Amino acid sequence: MPPRKARHHHHVYVVELVDQVWNEPSFRKANPDYQLGKPFVYVGMTGLEPDLRFDRHKAGIQSNRFVTRYGMRLLPHLYEVFNPMPYEAARDMEVELAIGLREEGYGVWQA
């Protein structure tokens, strides 16, 4: 019997945060090169569908405090092209995507 092919089910996702997140000192400190007018975002990775993961954040379940307090909506145009993928790839892509968005001037939180 041939080995079963693993189904890739990990995802990276990006949540848009409301502007008030800029009032958080730790968020400001993490984004010294933020460009005025660019979005504030949270970048994460999950084994769930991004919609379900966002709902869990908002419900306070294994959540990031910035998403719970300031999360508005997912920004699928920034991540859909990458999903789904293996765990290791998602772990790496979460970091790479956050770095890329910061380089574009976004305010980014990535845990």
PDB file of N, CA and C in Angstrom:
ATOM      1  N   MET A   1       0.851  -1.186   0.000  1.00  0.00           N
ATOM      2  CA  MET A   1       0.000   0.000   0.000  1.00  0.00           C
ATOM      3  C   MET A   1       0.889   1.239   0.000  1.00  0.00           C
ATOM      4  N   PRO A   2       0.713   2.147  -0.974  1.00  0.00           N
ATOM      5  CA  PRO A   2       1.554   3.357  -1.012  1.00  0.00           C
ATOM      6  C   PRO A   2       1.235   4.283   0.157  1.00  0.00           C
ATOM      7  N   PRO A   3       2.228   5.034   0.618  1.00  0.00           N
ATOM      8  CA  PRO A   3       1.972   5.963   1.734  1.00  0.00           C
ATOM      9  C   PRO A   3       0.943   7.012   1.332  1.00  0.00           C
ATOM     10  N   ARG A   4       0.133   7.378   2.317  1.00  0.00           N
ATOM     11  CA  ARG A   4      -0.885   8.408   2.076  1.00  0.00           C
ATOM     12  C   ARG A   4      -0.214   9.768   1.909  1.00  0.00           C
ATOM     13  N   LYS A   5      -0.678  10.520   0.958  1.00  0.00           N
ATOM     14  CA  LYS A   5      -0.139  11.861   0.740  1.00  0.00           C
ATOM     15  C   LYS A   5      -0.726  12.810   1.784  1.00  0.00           C
ATOM     16  N   ALA A   6       0.139  13.522   2.489  1.00  0.00           N
ATOM     17  CA  ALA A   6      -0.326  14.452   3.518  1.00  0.00           C
ATOM     18  C   ALA A   6      -1.101  15.605   2.876  1.00  0.00           C
ATOM     19  N   ARG A   7      -2.204  15.947   3.501  1.00  0.00           N
ATOM     20  CA  ARG A   7      -2.993  17.080   3.009  1.00  0.00           C
ATOM     21  C   ARG A   7      -2.504  18.339   3.717  1.00  0.00           C
ATOM     22  N   HIS A   8      -2.140  19.310   2.933  1.00  0.00           N
ATOM     23  CA  HIS A   8      -1.680  20.572   3.514  1.00  0.00           C
ATOM     24  C   HIS A   8      -2.888  21.332   4.032  1.00  0.00           C
ATOM     25  N   HIS A   9      -2.845  21.713   5.301  1.00  0.00           N
ATOM     26  CA  HIS A   9      -4.008  22.407   5.854  1.00  0.00           C
ATOM     27  C   HIS A   9      -3.638  23.605   6.727  1.00  0.00           C
ATOM     28  N   HIS A  10      -2.398  24.056   6.639  1.00  0.00           N
ATOM     29  CA  HIS A  10      -2.028  25.250   7.398  1.00  0.00           C
ATOM     30  C   HIS A  10      -2.143  26.486   6.513  1.00  0.00           C
ATOM     31  N   HIS A  11      -2.422  27.601   7.182  1.00  0.00           N
ATOM     32  CA  HIS A  11      -2.681  28.848   6.463  1.00  0.00           C
ATOM     33  C   HIS A  11      -1.979  30.005   7.163  1.00  0.00           C
ATOM     34  N   VAL A  12      -1.558  30.979   6.375  1.00  0.00           N
ATOM     35  CA  VAL A  12      -1.202  32.279   6.931  1.00  0.00           C
ATOM     36  C   VAL A  12      -2.420  33.167   6.721  1.00  0.00           C
ATOM     37  N   TYR A  13      -2.546  34.180   7.559  1.00  0.00           N
ATOM     38  CA  TYR A  13      -3.683  35.093   7.416  1.00  0.00           C
ATOM     39  C   TYR A  13      -3.275  36.470   7.911  1.00  0.00           C
ATOM     40  N   VAL A  14      -4.004  37.475   7.435  1.00  0.00           N
ATOM     41  CA  VAL A  14      -3.747  38.869   7.802  1.00  0.00           C
ATOM     42  C   VAL A  14      -5.063  39.493   8.238  1.00  0.00           C
ATOM     43  N   VAL A  15      -5.036  40.098   9.428  1.00  0.00           N
ATOM     44  CA  VAL A  15      -6.215  40.772   9.978  1.00  0.00           C
ATOM     45  C   VAL A  15      -5.944  42.274   9.979  1.00  0.00           C
ATOM     46  N   GLU A  16      -6.864  43.040   9.428  1.00  0.00           N
ATOM     47  CA  GLU A  16      -6.752  44.493   9.511  1.00  0.00           C
ATOM     48  C   GLU A  16      -7.169  44.941  10.904  1.00  0.00           C
ATOM     49  N   LEU A  17      -6.377  45.837  11.482  1.00  0.00           N
ATOM     50  CA  LEU A  17      -6.638  46.362  12.819  1.00  0.00           C
ATOM     51  C   LEU A  17      -7.089  47.820  12.722  1.00  0.00           C
ATOM     52  N   VAL A  18      -7.959  48.247  13.628  1.00  0.00           N
ATOM     53  CA  VAL A  18      -8.399  49.648  13.634  1.00  0.00           C
ATOM     54  C   VAL A  18      -7.242  50.553  14.057  1.00  0.00           C
ATOM     55  N   ASP A  19      -7.331  51.809  13.666  1.00  0.00           N
ATOM     56  CA  ASP A  19      -6.251  52.782  13.900  1.00  0.00           C
ATOM     57  C   ASP A  19      -5.873  52.952  15.365  1.00  0.00           C
ATOM     58  N   GLN A  20      -6.810  52.696  16.283  1.00  0.00           N
ATOM     59  CA  GLN A  20      -6.526  52.897  17.708  1.00  0.00           C
ATOM     60  C   GLN A  20      -5.413  51.992  18.219  1.00  0.00           C
ATOM     61  N   VAL A  21      -5.066  50.938  17.475  1.00  0.00           N
ATOM     62  CA  VAL A  21      -3.966  50.065  17.900  1.00  0.00           C
ATOM     63  C   VAL A  21      -2.653  50.859  17.989  1.00  0.00           C
ATOM     64  N   TRP A  22      -2.569  51.960  17.239  1.00  0.00           N
ATOM     65  CA  TRP A  22      -1.350  52.796  17.255  1.00  0.00           C
ATOM     66  C   TRP A  22      -1.122  53.421  18.628  1.00  0.00           C
ATOM     67  N   ASN A  23      -2.165  53.507  19.448  1.00  0.00           N
ATOM     68  CA  ASN A  23      -2.028  54.048  20.803  1.00  0.00           C
ATOM     69  C   ASN A  23      -1.340  53.072  21.755  1.00  0.00           C
ATOM     70  N   GLU A  24      -1.131  51.838  21.333  1.00  0.00           N
ATOM     71  CA  GLU A  24      -0.465  50.825  22.158  1.00  0.00           C
ATOM     72  C   GLU A  24       1.051  50.994  22.032  1.00  0.00           C
ATOM     73  N   PRO A  25       1.729  51.300  23.139  1.00  0.00           N
ATOM     74  CA  PRO A  25       3.187  51.521  23.070  1.00  0.00           C
ATOM     75  C   PRO A  25       3.968  50.357  22.461  1.00  0.00           C
ATOM     76  N   SER A  26       3.602  49.138  22.778  1.00  0.00           N
ATOM     77  CA  SER A  26       4.350  47.997  22.234  1.00  0.00           C
ATOM     78  C   SER A  26       4.161  47.886  20.718  1.00  0.00           C
ATOM     79  N   PHE A  27       2.977  48.248  20.219  1.00  0.00           N
ATOM     80  CA  PHE A  27       2.732  48.210  18.777  1.00  0.00           C
ATOM     81  C   PHE A  27       3.555  49.284  18.076  1.00  0.00           C
ATOM     82  N   ARG A  28       3.557  50.493  18.647  1.00  0.00           N
ATOM     83  CA  ARG A  28       4.357  51.589  18.063  1.00  0.00           C
ATOM     84  C   ARG A  28       5.839  51.225  18.045  1.00  0.00           C
ATOM     85  N   LYS A  29       6.316  50.672  19.151  1.00  0.00           N
ATOM     86  CA  LYS A  29       7.737  50.310  19.256  1.00  0.00           C
ATOM     87  C   LYS A  29       8.129  49.263  18.215  1.00  0.00           C
ATOM     88  N   ALA A  30       7.219  48.349  17.898  1.00  0.00           N
ATOM     89  CA  ALA A  30       7.494  47.292  16.925  1.00  0.00           C
ATOM     90  C   ALA A  30       7.463  47.795  15.484  1.00  0.00           C
ATOM     91  N   ASN A  31       7.033  49.042  15.277  1.00  0.00           N
ATOM     92  CA  ASN A  31       6.846  49.578  13.922  1.00  0.00           C
ATOM     93  C   ASN A  31       7.461  50.963  13.749  1.00  0.00           C
ATOM     94  N   PRO A  32       8.775  51.075  13.954  1.00  0.00           N
ATOM     95  CA  PRO A  32       9.409  52.402  13.869  1.00  0.00           C
ATOM     96  C   PRO A  32       9.372  53.017  12.472  1.00  0.00           C
ATOM     97  N   ASP A  33       9.206  52.189  11.436  1.00  0.00           N
ATOM     98  CA  ASP A  33       9.207  52.695  10.062  1.00  0.00           C
ATOM     99  C   ASP A  33       7.810  52.737   9.450  1.00  0.00           C
ATOM    100  N   TYR A  34       6.779  52.743  10.301  1.00  0.00           N
ATOM    101  CA  TYR A  34       5.406  52.796   9.809  1.00  0.00           C
ATOM    102  C   TYR A  34       5.205  54.044   8.950  1.00  0.00           C
ATOM    103  N   GLN A  35       4.535  53.857   7.806  1.00  0.00           N
ATOM    104  CA  GLN A  35       4.231  54.968   6.899  1.00  0.00           C
ATOM    105  C   GLN A  35       2.771  55.378   7.074  1.00  0.00           C
ATOM    106  N   LEU A  36       2.574  56.635   7.409  1.00  0.00           N
ATOM    107  CA  LEU A  36       1.242  57.182   7.627  1.00  0.00           C
ATOM    108  C   LEU A  36       0.309  56.832   6.469  1.00  0.00           C
ATOM    109  N   GLY A  37      -0.868  56.349   6.802  1.00  0.00           N
ATOM    110  CA  GLY A  37      -1.864  56.005   5.798  1.00  0.00           C
ATOM    111  C   GLY A  37      -1.896  54.534   5.428  1.00  0.00           C
ATOM    112  N   LYS A  38      -0.851  53.789   5.768  1.00  0.00           N
ATOM    113  CA  LYS A  38      -0.834  52.349   5.488  1.00  0.00           C
ATOM    114  C   LYS A  38      -1.653  51.627   6.558  1.00  0.00           C
ATOM    115  N   PRO A  39      -2.175  50.453   6.226  1.00  0.00           N
ATOM    116  CA  PRO A  39      -2.985  49.713   7.207  1.00  0.00           C
ATOM    117  C   PRO A  39      -2.163  49.198   8.391  1.00  0.00           C
ATOM    118  N   PHE A  40      -2.866  48.954   9.488  1.00  0.00           N
ATOM    119  CA  PHE A  40      -2.324  48.250  10.643  1.00  0.00           C
ATOM    120  C   PHE A  40      -2.837  46.824  10.543  1.00  0.00           C
ATOM    121  N   VAL A  41      -1.955  45.845  10.709  1.00  0.00           N
ATOM    122  CA  VAL A  41      -2.357  44.452  10.521  1.00  0.00           C
ATOM    123  C   VAL A  41      -1.721  43.532  11.555  1.00  0.00           C
ATOM    124  N   TYR A  42      -2.354  42.384  11.724  1.00  0.00           N
ATOM    125  CA  TYR A  42      -1.817  41.268  12.486  1.00  0.00           C
ATOM    126  C   TYR A  42      -1.607  40.142  11.494  1.00  0.00           C
ATOM    127  N   VAL A  43      -0.430  39.504  11.533  1.00  0.00           N
ATOM    128  CA  VAL A  43      -0.130  38.375  10.660  1.00  0.00           C
ATOM    129  C   VAL A  43      -0.015  37.126  11.530  1.00  0.00           C
ATOM    130  N   GLY A  44      -0.751  36.091  11.149  1.00  0.00           N
ATOM    131  CA  GLY A  44      -0.702  34.853  11.913  1.00  0.00           C
ATOM    132  C   GLY A  44      -0.683  33.638  11.017  1.00  0.00           C
ATOM    133  N   MET A  45      -0.557  32.478  11.645  1.00  0.00           N
ATOM    134  CA  MET A  45      -0.655  31.200  10.936  1.00  0.00           C
ATOM    135  C   MET A  45      -1.532  30.274  11.756  1.00  0.00           C
ATOM    136  N   THR A  46      -2.187  29.346  11.073  1.00  0.00           N
ATOM    137  CA  THR A  46      -3.139  28.473  11.747  1.00  0.00           C
ATOM    138  C   THR A  46      -3.335  27.168  10.989  1.00  0.00           C
ATOM    139  N   GLY A  47      -3.773  26.160  11.698  1.00  0.00           N
ATOM    140  CA  GLY A  47      -4.190  24.909  11.080  1.00  0.00           C
ATOM    141  C   GLY A  47      -5.674  24.927  10.750  1.00  0.00           C
ATOM    142  N   LEU A  48      -6.347  26.006  11.106  1.00  0.00           N
ATOM    143  CA  LEU A  48      -7.777  26.183  10.828  1.00  0.00           C
ATOM    144  C   LEU A  48      -7.959  27.028   9.569  1.00  0.00           C
ATOM    145  N   GLU A  49      -9.189  27.098   9.103  1.00  0.00           N
ATOM    146  CA  GLU A  49      -9.500  28.045   8.036  1.00  0.00           C
ATOM    147  C   GLU A  49      -9.364  29.455   8.621  1.00  0.00           C
ATOM    148  N   PRO A  50      -8.804  30.411   7.871  1.00  0.00           N
ATOM    149  CA  PRO A  50      -8.614  31.768   8.413  1.00  0.00           C
ATOM    150  C   PRO A  50      -9.885  32.397   8.984  1.00  0.00           C
ATOM    151  N   ASP A  51     -11.049  32.179   8.349  1.00  0.00           N
ATOM    152  CA  ASP A  51     -12.301  32.747   8.878  1.00  0.00           C
ATOM    153  C   ASP A  51     -12.601  32.237  10.279  1.00  0.00           C
ATOM    154  N   LEU A  52     -12.429  30.941  10.483  1.00  0.00           N
ATOM    155  CA  LEU A  52     -12.677  30.346  11.790  1.00  0.00           C
ATOM    156  C   LEU A  52     -11.660  30.851  12.809  1.00  0.00           C
ATOM    157  N   ARG A  53     -10.409  30.964  12.390  1.00  0.00           N
ATOM    158  CA  ARG A  53      -9.363  31.451  13.311  1.00  0.00           C
ATOM    159  C   ARG A  53      -9.663  32.889  13.736  1.00  0.00           C
ATOM    160  N   PHE A  54     -10.082  33.725  12.800  1.00  0.00           N
ATOM    161  CA  PHE A  54     -10.435  35.109  13.127  1.00  0.00           C
ATOM    162  C   PHE A  54     -11.583  35.140  14.141  1.00  0.00           C
ATOM    163  N   ASP A  55     -12.606  34.311  13.908  1.00  0.00           N
ATOM    164  CA  ASP A  55     -13.732  34.254  14.848  1.00  0.00           C
ATOM    165  C   ASP A  55     -13.266  33.849  16.246  1.00  0.00           C
ATOM    166  N   ARG A  56     -12.327  32.921  16.322  1.00  0.00           N
ATOM    167  CA  ARG A  56     -11.805  32.484  17.624  1.00  0.00           C
ATOM    168  C   ARG A  56     -11.035  33.618  18.310  1.00  0.00           C
ATOM    169  N   HIS A  57     -10.246  34.356  17.532  1.00  0.00           N
ATOM    170  CA  HIS A  57      -9.558  35.535  18.103  1.00  0.00           C
ATOM    171  C   HIS A  57     -10.577  36.482  18.727  1.00  0.00           C
ATOM    172  N   LYS A  58     -11.611  36.812  17.970  1.00  0.00           N
ATOM    173  CA  LYS A  58     -12.607  37.784  18.422  1.00  0.00           C
ATOM    174  C   LYS A  58     -13.376  37.278  19.644  1.00  0.00           C
ATOM    175  N   ALA A  59     -13.495  35.956  19.763  1.00  0.00           N
ATOM    176  CA  ALA A  59     -14.184  35.362  20.914  1.00  0.00           C
ATOM    177  C   ALA A  59     -13.251  35.202  22.112  1.00  0.00           C
ATOM    178  N   GLY A  60     -11.967  35.554  21.938  1.00  0.00           N
ATOM    179  CA  GLY A  60     -11.022  35.437  23.039  1.00  0.00           C
ATOM    180  C   GLY A  60     -10.466  34.037  23.225  1.00  0.00           C
ATOM    181  N   ILE A  61     -10.605  33.172  22.230  1.00  0.00           N
ATOM    182  CA  ILE A  61     -10.116  31.791  22.308  1.00  0.00           C
ATOM    183  C   ILE A  61      -8.734  31.721  21.665  1.00  0.00           C
ATOM    184  N   GLN A  62      -7.707  31.402  22.474  1.00  0.00           N
ATOM    185  CA  GLN A  62      -6.315  31.369  21.994  1.00  0.00           C
ATOM    186  C   GLN A  62      -6.041  32.594  21.129  1.00  0.00           C
ATOM    187  N   SER A  63      -6.368  33.735  21.691  1.00  0.00           N
ATOM    188  CA  SER A  63      -6.373  34.952  20.884  1.00  0.00           C
ATOM    189  C   SER A  63      -5.168  35.842  21.154  1.00  0.00           C
ATOM    190  N   ASN A  64      -4.893  36.678  20.176  1.00  0.00           N
ATOM    191  CA  ASN A  64      -3.929  37.754  20.347  1.00  0.00           C
ATOM    192  C   ASN A  64      -4.728  38.974  20.797  1.00  0.00           C
ATOM    193  N   ARG A  65      -4.227  39.665  21.807  1.00  0.00           N
ATOM    194  CA  ARG A  65      -5.004  40.784  22.365  1.00  0.00           C
ATOM    195  C   ARG A  65      -5.257  41.890  21.349  1.00  0.00           C
ATOM    196  N   PHE A  66      -4.328  42.106  20.417  1.00  0.00           N
ATOM    197  CA  PHE A  66      -4.545  43.153  19.420  1.00  0.00           C
ATOM    198  C   PHE A  66      -5.692  42.773  18.479  1.00  0.00           C
ATOM    199  N   VAL A  67      -5.787  41.497  18.122  1.00  0.00           N
ATOM    200  CA  VAL A  67      -6.887  41.078  17.244  1.00  0.00           C
ATOM    201  C   VAL A  67      -8.202  41.114  18.015  1.00  0.00           C
ATOM    202  N   THR A  68      -8.190  40.656  19.262  1.00  0.00           N
ATOM    203  CA  THR A  68      -9.411  40.662  20.065  1.00  0.00           C
ATOM    204  C   THR A  68      -9.958  42.077  20.208  1.00  0.00           C
ATOM    205  N   ARG A  69      -9.079  43.027  20.529  1.00  0.00           N
ATOM    206  CA  ARG A  69      -9.515  44.415  20.759  1.00  0.00           C
ATOM    207  C   ARG A  69      -9.700  45.228  19.491  1.00  0.00           C
ATOM    208  N   TYR A  70      -8.806  45.037  18.517  1.00  0.00           N
ATOM    209  CA  TYR A  70      -8.742  45.950  17.377  1.00  0.00           C
ATOM    210  C   TYR A  70      -9.010  45.309  16.012  1.00  0.00           C
ATOM    211  N   GLY A  71      -9.198  43.987  15.974  1.00  0.00           N
ATOM    212  CA  GLY A  71      -9.391  43.310  14.691  1.00  0.00           C
ATOM    213  C   GLY A  71     -10.685  43.703  14.014  1.00  0.00           C
ATOM    214  N   MET A  72     -10.596  44.068  12.733  1.00  0.00           N
ATOM    215  CA  MET A  72     -11.786  44.453  11.955  1.00  0.00           C
ATOM    216  C   MET A  72     -12.217  43.353  11.004  1.00  0.00           C
ATOM    217  N   ARG A  73     -11.281  42.910  10.169  1.00  0.00           N
ATOM    218  CA  ARG A  73     -11.625  41.944   9.122  1.00  0.00           C
ATOM    219  C   ARG A  73     -10.343  41.311   8.584  1.00  0.00           C
ATOM    220  N   LEU A  74     -10.529  40.191   7.932  1.00  0.00           N
ATOM    221  CA  LEU A  74      -9.414  39.538   7.235  1.00  0.00           C
ATOM    222  C   LEU A  74      -9.134  40.288   5.938  1.00  0.00           C
ATOM    223  N   LEU A  75      -7.888  40.244   5.503  1.00  0.00           N
ATOM    224  CA  LEU A  75      -7.482  40.849   4.229  1.00  0.00           C
ATOM    225  C   LEU A  75      -6.957  39.743   3.308  1.00  0.00           C
ATOM    226  N   PRO A  76      -7.884  38.918   2.763  1.00  0.00           N
ATOM    227  CA  PRO A  76      -7.461  37.741   1.999  1.00  0.00           C
ATOM    228  C   PRO A  76      -6.591  38.036   0.788  1.00  0.00           C
ATOM    229  N   HIS A  77      -6.718  39.214   0.201  1.00  0.00           N
ATOM    230  CA  HIS A  77      -5.886  39.533  -0.969  1.00  0.00           C
ATOM    231  C   HIS A  77      -4.398  39.542  -0.627  1.00  0.00           C
ATOM    232  N   LEU A  78      -4.062  39.628   0.657  1.00  0.00           N
ATOM    233  CA  LEU A  78      -2.655  39.632   1.074  1.00  0.00           C
ATOM    234  C   LEU A  78      -2.105  38.240   1.368  1.00  0.00           C
ATOM    235  N   TYR A  79      -2.972  37.211   1.444  1.00  0.00           N
ATOM    236  CA  TYR A  79      -2.466  35.896   1.836  1.00  0.00           C
ATOM    237  C   TYR A  79      -3.024  34.696   1.073  1.00  0.00           C
ATOM    238  N   GLU A  80      -4.153  34.840   0.412  1.00  0.00           N
ATOM    239  CA  GLU A  80      -4.797  33.674  -0.202  1.00  0.00           C
ATOM    240  C   GLU A  80      -3.897  32.910  -1.165  1.00  0.00           C
ATOM    241  N   VAL A  81      -3.036  33.612  -1.864  1.00  0.00           N
ATOM    242  CA  VAL A  81      -2.175  32.982  -2.861  1.00  0.00           C
ATOM    243  C   VAL A  81      -1.240  31.935  -2.241  1.00  0.00           C
ATOM    244  N   PHE A  82      -0.947  32.051  -0.947  1.00  0.00           N
ATOM    245  CA  PHE A  82      -0.014  31.147  -0.291  1.00  0.00           C
ATOM    246  C   PHE A  82      -0.670  29.885   0.270  1.00  0.00           C
ATOM    247  N   ASN A  83      -1.969  29.901   0.489  1.00  0.00           N
ATOM    248  CA  ASN A  83      -2.654  28.839   1.238  1.00  0.00           C
ATOM    249  C   ASN A  83      -3.283  27.782   0.345  1.00  0.00           C
ATOM    250  N   PRO A  84      -3.455  26.542   0.856  1.00  0.00           N
ATOM    251  CA  PRO A  84      -2.881  25.998   2.089  1.00  0.00           C
ATOM    252  C   PRO A  84      -1.438  25.549   1.869  1.00  0.00           C
ATOM    253  N   MET A  85      -0.775  25.193   2.967  1.00  0.00           N
ATOM    254  CA  MET A  85       0.620  24.762   2.884  1.00  0.00           C
ATOM    255  C   MET A  85       0.957  23.877   4.079  1.00  0.00           C
ATOM    256  N   PRO A  86       2.112  23.207   4.024  1.00  0.00           N
ATOM    257  CA  PRO A  86       2.537  22.407   5.176  1.00  0.00           C
ATOM    258  C   PRO A  86       2.859  23.302   6.378  1.00  0.00           C
ATOM    259  N   TYR A  87       2.865  22.716   7.558  1.00  0.00           N
ATOM    260  CA  TYR A  87       3.117  23.462   8.793  1.00  0.00           C
ATOM    261  C   TYR A  87       4.406  24.280   8.718  1.00  0.00           C
ATOM    262  N   GLU A  88       5.502  23.656   8.341  1.00  0.00           N
ATOM    263  CA  GLU A  88       6.801  24.351   8.324  1.00  0.00           C
ATOM    264  C   GLU A  88       6.776  25.541   7.375  1.00  0.00           C
ATOM    265  N   ALA A  89       6.145  25.363   6.233  1.00  0.00           N
ATOM    266  CA  ALA A  89       6.056  26.457   5.257  1.00  0.00           C
ATOM    267  C   ALA A  89       5.205  27.602   5.816  1.00  0.00           C
ATOM    268  N   ALA A  90       4.117  27.268   6.499  1.00  0.00           N
ATOM    269  CA  ALA A  90       3.254  28.307   7.076  1.00  0.00           C
ATOM    270  C   ALA A  90       3.992  29.063   8.175  1.00  0.00           C
ATOM    271  N   ARG A  91       4.728  28.334   8.993  1.00  0.00           N
ATOM    272  CA  ARG A  91       5.501  28.963  10.070  1.00  0.00           C
ATOM    273  C   ARG A  91       6.495  29.972   9.483  1.00  0.00           C
ATOM    274  N   ASP A  92       7.187  29.564   8.429  1.00  0.00           N
ATOM    275  CA  ASP A  92       8.158  30.457   7.785  1.00  0.00           C
ATOM    276  C   ASP A  92       7.472  31.603   7.052  1.00  0.00           C
ATOM    277  N   MET A  93       6.372  31.306   6.371  1.00  0.00           N
ATOM    278  CA  MET A  93       5.672  32.331   5.590  1.00  0.00           C
ATOM    279  C   MET A  93       5.074  33.403   6.492  1.00  0.00           C
ATOM    280  N   GLU A  94       4.642  33.028   7.693  1.00  0.00           N
ATOM    281  CA  GLU A  94       4.105  34.015   8.636  1.00  0.00           C
ATOM    282  C   GLU A  94       5.147  35.106   8.891  1.00  0.00           C
ATOM    283  N   VAL A  95       6.379  34.700   9.135  1.00  0.00           N
ATOM    284  CA  VAL A  95       7.462  35.647   9.411  1.00  0.00           C
ATOM    285  C   VAL A  95       7.795  36.454   8.161  1.00  0.00           C
ATOM    286  N   GLU A  96       7.904  35.763   7.028  1.00  0.00           N
ATOM    287  CA  GLU A  96       8.260  36.443   5.769  1.00  0.00           C
ATOM    288  C   GLU A  96       7.202  37.464   5.355  1.00  0.00           C
ATOM    289  N   LEU A  97       5.939  37.088   5.507  1.00  0.00           N
ATOM    290  CA  LEU A  97       4.850  37.989   5.146  1.00  0.00           C
ATOM    291  C   LEU A  97       4.856  39.222   6.041  1.00  0.00           C
ATOM    292  N   ALA A  98       5.069  39.027   7.341  1.00  0.00           N
ATOM    293  CA  ALA A  98       5.130  40.159   8.273  1.00  0.00           C
ATOM    294  C   ALA A  98       6.283  41.090   7.907  1.00  0.00           C
ATOM    295  N   ILE A  99       7.436  40.526   7.610  1.00  0.00           N
ATOM    296  CA  ILE A  99       8.601  41.337   7.223  1.00  0.00           C
ATOM    297  C   ILE A  99       8.295  42.113   5.944  1.00  0.00           C
ATOM    298  N   GLY A 100       7.710  41.431   4.957  1.00  0.00           N
ATOM    299  CA  GLY A 100       7.387  42.084   3.685  1.00  0.00           C
ATOM    300  C   GLY A 100       6.416  43.239   3.852  1.00  0.00           C
ATOM    301  N   LEU A 101       5.384  43.037   4.666  1.00  0.00           N
ATOM    302  CA  LEU A 101       4.410  44.106   4.888  1.00  0.00           C
ATOM    303  C   LEU A 101       5.041  45.273   5.644  1.00  0.00           C
ATOM    304  N   ARG A 102       5.896  44.990   6.612  1.00  0.00           N
ATOM    305  CA  ARG A 102       6.615  46.070   7.323  1.00  0.00           C
ATOM    306  C   ARG A 102       7.474  46.859   6.354  1.00  0.00           C
ATOM    307  N   GLU A 103       8.146  46.160   5.456  1.00  0.00           N
ATOM    308  CA  GLU A 103       8.987  46.838   4.462  1.00  0.00           C
ATOM    309  C   GLU A 103       8.164  47.733   3.542  1.00  0.00           C
ATOM    310  N   GLU A 104       6.880  47.400   3.357  1.00  0.00           N
ATOM    311  CA  GLU A 104       5.978  48.229   2.550  1.00  0.00           C
ATOM    312  C   GLU A 104       5.375  49.377   3.354  1.00  0.00           C
ATOM    313  N   GLY A 105       5.722  49.466   4.644  1.00  0.00           N
ATOM    314  CA  GLY A 105       5.245  50.568   5.468  1.00  0.00           C
ATOM    315  C   GLY A 105       4.043  50.263   6.336  1.00  0.00           C
ATOM    316  N   TYR A 106       3.536  49.044   6.279  1.00  0.00           N
ATOM    317  CA  TYR A 106       2.411  48.655   7.130  1.00  0.00           C
ATOM    318  C   TYR A 106       2.833  48.667   8.599  1.00  0.00           C
ATOM    319  N   GLY A 107       1.855  48.879   9.482  1.00  0.00           N
ATOM    320  CA  GLY A 107       2.060  48.649  10.909  1.00  0.00           C
ATOM    321  C   GLY A 107       1.704  47.202  11.162  1.00  0.00           C
ATOM    322  N   VAL A 108       2.662  46.390  11.622  1.00  0.00           N
ATOM    323  CA  VAL A 108       2.476  44.935  11.695  1.00  0.00           C
ATOM    324  C   VAL A 108       2.727  44.410  13.101  1.00  0.00           C
ATOM    325  N   TRP A 109       1.843  43.521  13.537  1.00  0.00           N
ATOM    326  CA  TRP A 109       2.104  42.714  14.732  1.00  0.00           C
ATOM    327  C   TRP A 109       2.097  41.275  14.307  1.00  0.00           C
ATOM    328  N   GLN A 110       3.142  40.552  14.675  1.00  0.00           N
ATOM    329  CA  GLN A 110       3.254  39.141  14.354  1.00  0.00           C
ATOM    330  C   GLN A 110       3.830  38.464  15.578  1.00  0.00           C
ATOM    331  N   ALA A 111       3.072  37.527  16.162  1.00  0.00           N
ATOM    332  CA  ALA A 111       3.499  36.902  17.421  1.00  0.00           C
ATOM    333  C   ALA A 111       4.294  35.637  17.205  1.00  0.00           C
TER     334      ALA A 111
END
